[in-house]
Amino acid sequence: MNFNYYVNIIKERLSASRAAHSLRVMETALDMARGRKVDRDRVCLAALLHDYAKDLPSEELLAIARRNRLLTCVAEEMQPDLLHGPVGAWLCRKDLLVDDREVLLAIHYHTTGRVNMSLLEIIIYLADLVEPGRRYKGVDELRNACASGLARGMLCAFDSTIRYVLDREFLLHPLTIEARNWLLASKPNLGE
């Protein structure tokens, strides 16, 4: 992987703070991947590109999603920021010719989660939430849960996200609910 090529892309495409966040997500994801059976180049690529579409305006996210049949539910239409993952994955494939399905899935679902998440998807999902620059109520609890294991971290992350959405009277994304139920019902082996 040409690491510098992708770093330059995110620095050109994203705000300085968002690009710095992506670099911190990469470092956090690499720490989480240590000792686990996950390809480090994939971790780097997915982490660097996870917010590729984050700085796009809501109208543009919606337009791209509509044109390319990426909308899956009313929550995405009413809260277009939820589309930055799916749109980002689509744009990474189109603009950057990223064709690694596992990387694209990690980018696509890094905000909502999904049923049957791969280890790479889980690592990117969690690293995005707990990277050292994150400052929000409950982040230390989430970091501690992640330190206890990825499954524990995922449950804590889903619960925290759902509480956040409910407190603000936003629409819950059905994928998050399904992912939480999958995690509890199947207790996936995350190599811990």
Protein backbone atom coordinates (compact mmCIF):
# COMPACT_ATOMS: atom_id res chain seq x y z
CA MET A 1 0.00 0.00 0.00
CA ASN A 2 1.27 3.47 -0.88
CA PHE A 3 0.61 4.98 2.54
CA ASN A 4 1.71 8.52 1.59
CA TYR A 5 -0.57 8.57 -1.44
CA TYR A 6 -3.66 8.05 0.72
CA VAL A 7 -2.46 10.41 3.45
CA ASN A 8 -2.08 13.14 0.82
CA ILE A 9 -5.55 12.39 -0.53
CA ILE A 10 -7.21 12.81 2.85
CA LYS A 11 -5.20 15.96 3.56
CA GLU A 12 -6.39 17.44 0.26
CA ARG A 13 -9.98 16.28 0.54
CA LEU A 14 -10.76 16.75 4.23
CA SER A 15 -10.48 19.63 6.65
CA ALA A 16 -7.26 19.66 8.67
CA SER A 17 -9.09 18.48 11.80
CA ARG A 18 -10.85 15.67 9.93
CA ALA A 19 -7.60 14.53 8.30
CA ALA A 20 -5.91 14.51 11.73
CA HIS A 21 -8.85 12.48 13.07
CA SER A 22 -8.39 9.94 10.27
CA LEU A 23 -4.71 9.57 11.12
CA ARG A 24 -5.57 9.04 14.79
CA VAL A 25 -8.21 6.46 13.80
CA MET A 26 -5.52 4.65 11.82
CA GLU A 27 -3.14 4.57 14.79
CA THR A 28 -5.91 3.43 17.14
CA ALA A 29 -7.07 0.77 14.67
CA LEU A 30 -3.52 -0.53 14.29
CA ASP A 31 -3.27 -0.81 18.08
CA MET A 32 -6.57 -2.73 18.18
CA ALA A 33 -5.41 -5.00 15.34
CA ARG A 34 -2.16 -5.94 17.11
CA GLY A 35 -2.14 -9.66 17.87
CA ARG A 36 -5.30 -10.28 15.85
CA LYS A 37 -5.66 -11.95 12.47
CA VAL A 38 -6.38 -8.89 10.37
CA ASP A 39 -4.34 -7.44 7.51
CA ARG A 40 -2.56 -4.27 8.66
CA ASP A 41 -2.58 -2.68 5.18
CA ARG A 42 -6.35 -3.08 5.07
CA VAL A 43 -6.60 -1.57 8.55
CA CYS A 44 -4.56 1.45 7.42
CA LEU A 45 -6.50 1.95 4.20
CA ALA A 46 -9.97 1.62 5.76
CA ALA A 47 -9.04 3.88 8.67
CA LEU A 48 -7.52 6.57 6.48
CA LEU A 49 -10.48 6.60 4.08
CA HIS A 50 -13.36 5.97 6.52
CA ASP A 51 -14.43 9.65 6.44
CA TYR A 52 -13.71 10.25 2.75
CA ALA A 53 -17.21 11.75 2.26
CA LYS A 54 -17.62 13.28 5.75
CA ASP A 55 -17.03 16.88 4.67
CA LEU A 56 -19.59 16.76 1.85
CA PRO A 57 -22.73 18.87 2.39
CA SER A 58 -25.93 17.00 3.28
CA GLU A 59 -27.52 17.85 -0.07
CA GLU A 60 -24.59 16.33 -1.95
CA LEU A 61 -24.59 13.19 0.21
CA LEU A 62 -28.30 12.76 -0.50
CA ALA A 63 -27.91 13.44 -4.23
CA ILE A 64 -25.09 10.91 -4.61
CA ALA A 65 -26.99 8.35 -2.53
CA ARG A 66 -30.17 8.80 -4.57
CA ARG A 67 -28.39 8.66 -7.93
CA ASN A 68 -26.58 5.47 -6.98
CA ARG A 69 -29.35 3.72 -5.05
CA LEU A 70 -27.49 3.82 -1.74
CA LEU A 71 -30.43 4.89 0.44
CA THR A 72 -31.73 2.06 2.59
CA CYS A 73 -34.08 3.72 5.07
CA VAL A 74 -35.86 6.91 6.07
CA ALA A 75 -33.29 7.60 8.81
CA GLU A 76 -30.64 8.17 6.13
CA GLU A 77 -32.89 10.50 4.20
CA MET A 78 -33.77 12.56 7.27
CA GLN A 79 -30.24 12.47 8.74
CA PRO A 80 -27.95 12.58 5.69
CA ASP A 81 -24.77 12.47 7.78
CA LEU A 82 -25.51 8.74 8.16
CA LEU A 83 -24.75 8.49 4.43
CA HIS A 84 -21.12 9.55 4.65
CA GLY A 85 -20.08 5.89 5.09
CA PRO A 86 -21.99 4.41 2.15
CA VAL A 87 -21.26 7.42 -0.08
CA GLY A 88 -17.62 7.40 1.02
CA ALA A 89 -17.24 3.72 0.11
CA TRP A 90 -18.90 4.34 -3.26
CA LEU A 91 -16.62 7.33 -3.95
CA CYS A 92 -13.50 5.44 -2.87
CA ARG A 93 -14.35 2.75 -5.40
CA LYS A 94 -15.17 5.28 -8.14
CA ASP A 95 -12.56 8.00 -7.52
CA LEU A 96 -9.68 6.07 -6.00
CA LEU A 97 -10.33 2.68 -7.63
CA VAL A 98 -10.31 0.92 -4.25
CA ASP A 99 -11.59 -2.56 -5.05
CA ASP A 100 -10.95 -4.36 -1.77
CA ARG A 101 -14.43 -5.47 -0.72
CA GLU A 102 -13.49 -5.81 2.96
CA VAL A 103 -12.06 -2.27 3.08
CA LEU A 104 -15.11 -0.86 1.31
CA LEU A 105 -17.44 -2.61 3.76
CA ALA A 106 -15.50 -1.19 6.72
CA ILE A 107 -15.87 2.31 5.27
CA HIS A 108 -19.53 1.78 4.39
CA TYR A 109 -20.64 0.55 7.82
CA HIS A 110 -18.31 2.47 10.16
CA THR A 111 -21.18 4.65 11.43
CA THR A 112 -24.10 2.22 11.69
CA GLY A 113 -22.55 -1.20 12.07
CA ARG A 114 -24.29 -4.22 10.56
CA VAL A 115 -25.00 -7.89 11.09
CA ASN A 116 -22.00 -10.20 10.54
CA MET A 117 -19.38 -7.48 10.79
CA SER A 118 -15.86 -8.64 9.97
CA LEU A 119 -13.01 -8.08 12.40
CA LEU A 120 -11.79 -5.22 10.18
CA GLU A 121 -15.23 -3.57 10.25
CA ILE A 122 -15.38 -3.86 14.04
CA ILE A 123 -11.92 -2.39 14.49
CA ILE A 124 -12.68 0.61 12.25
CA TYR A 125 -16.07 1.15 13.91
CA LEU A 126 -14.51 1.21 17.38
CA ALA A 127 -11.33 3.10 16.49
CA ASP A 128 -13.43 5.90 15.03
CA LEU A 129 -15.26 6.25 18.34
CA VAL A 130 -12.33 5.99 20.75
CA GLU A 131 -9.34 7.59 19.02
CA PRO A 132 -7.45 9.88 21.44
CA GLY A 133 -8.92 13.11 20.05
CA ARG A 134 -12.47 12.10 20.90
CA ARG A 135 -14.00 14.05 23.79
CA TYR A 136 -17.59 13.22 24.62
CA LYS A 137 -19.54 11.97 27.59
CA GLY A 138 -18.95 8.24 27.95
CA VAL A 139 -15.83 7.98 25.78
CA ASP A 140 -13.65 6.84 28.70
CA GLU A 141 -16.20 4.14 29.57
CA LEU A 142 -16.14 3.03 25.93
CA ARG A 143 -12.33 2.98 25.88
CA ASN A 144 -12.35 0.81 29.00
CA ALA A 145 -14.90 -1.54 27.46
CA CYS A 146 -12.74 -1.87 24.34
CA ALA A 147 -9.74 -2.66 26.52
CA SER A 148 -11.79 -5.54 27.97
CA GLY A 149 -12.40 -6.96 24.49
CA LEU A 150 -13.83 -6.00 21.13
CA ALA A 151 -17.20 -7.68 21.76
CA ARG A 152 -17.60 -5.77 25.03
CA GLY A 153 -16.52 -2.59 23.24
CA MET A 154 -19.06 -3.13 20.45
CA LEU A 155 -21.92 -3.67 22.88
CA CYS A 156 -20.97 -0.55 24.82
CA ALA A 157 -20.64 1.41 21.55
CA PHE A 158 -24.03 0.29 20.26
CA ASP A 159 -25.68 1.07 23.61
CA SER A 160 -24.03 4.48 23.77
CA THR A 161 -25.01 5.31 20.19
CA ILE A 162 -28.60 4.25 20.73
CA ARG A 163 -28.83 6.32 23.92
CA TYR A 164 -27.37 9.34 22.12
CA VAL A 165 -29.89 9.01 19.28
CA LEU A 166 -32.83 8.54 21.65
CA ASP A 167 -31.81 11.51 23.81
CA ARG A 168 -31.86 13.76 20.74
CA GLU A 169 -35.07 12.26 19.36
CA PHE A 170 -33.33 11.29 16.11
CA LEU A 171 -34.34 8.27 14.07
CA LEU A 172 -32.58 5.04 14.96
CA HIS A 173 -30.86 3.39 12.03
CA PRO A 174 -32.23 -0.15 11.69
CA LEU A 175 -28.76 -1.54 10.94
CA THR A 176 -27.54 -0.47 14.38
CA ILE A 177 -30.41 -2.24 16.11
CA GLU A 178 -29.88 -5.36 13.99
CA ALA A 179 -26.12 -5.27 14.64
CA ARG A 180 -26.62 -5.01 18.41
CA ASN A 181 -29.06 -7.93 18.35
CA TRP A 182 -26.65 -9.97 16.19
CA LEU A 183 -23.81 -9.28 18.63
CA LEU A 184 -25.84 -10.44 21.63
CA ALA A 185 -27.42 -13.43 19.89
CA SER A 186 -24.40 -14.83 18.07
CA LYS A 187 -21.53 -13.82 20.35
CA PRO A 188 -19.05 -13.77 17.44
CA ASN A 189 -15.49 -15.02 17.96
CA LEU A 190 -13.34 -11.89 17.67
CA GLY A 191 -10.07 -13.63 18.35
CA GLU A 192 -9.99 -12.74 22.04
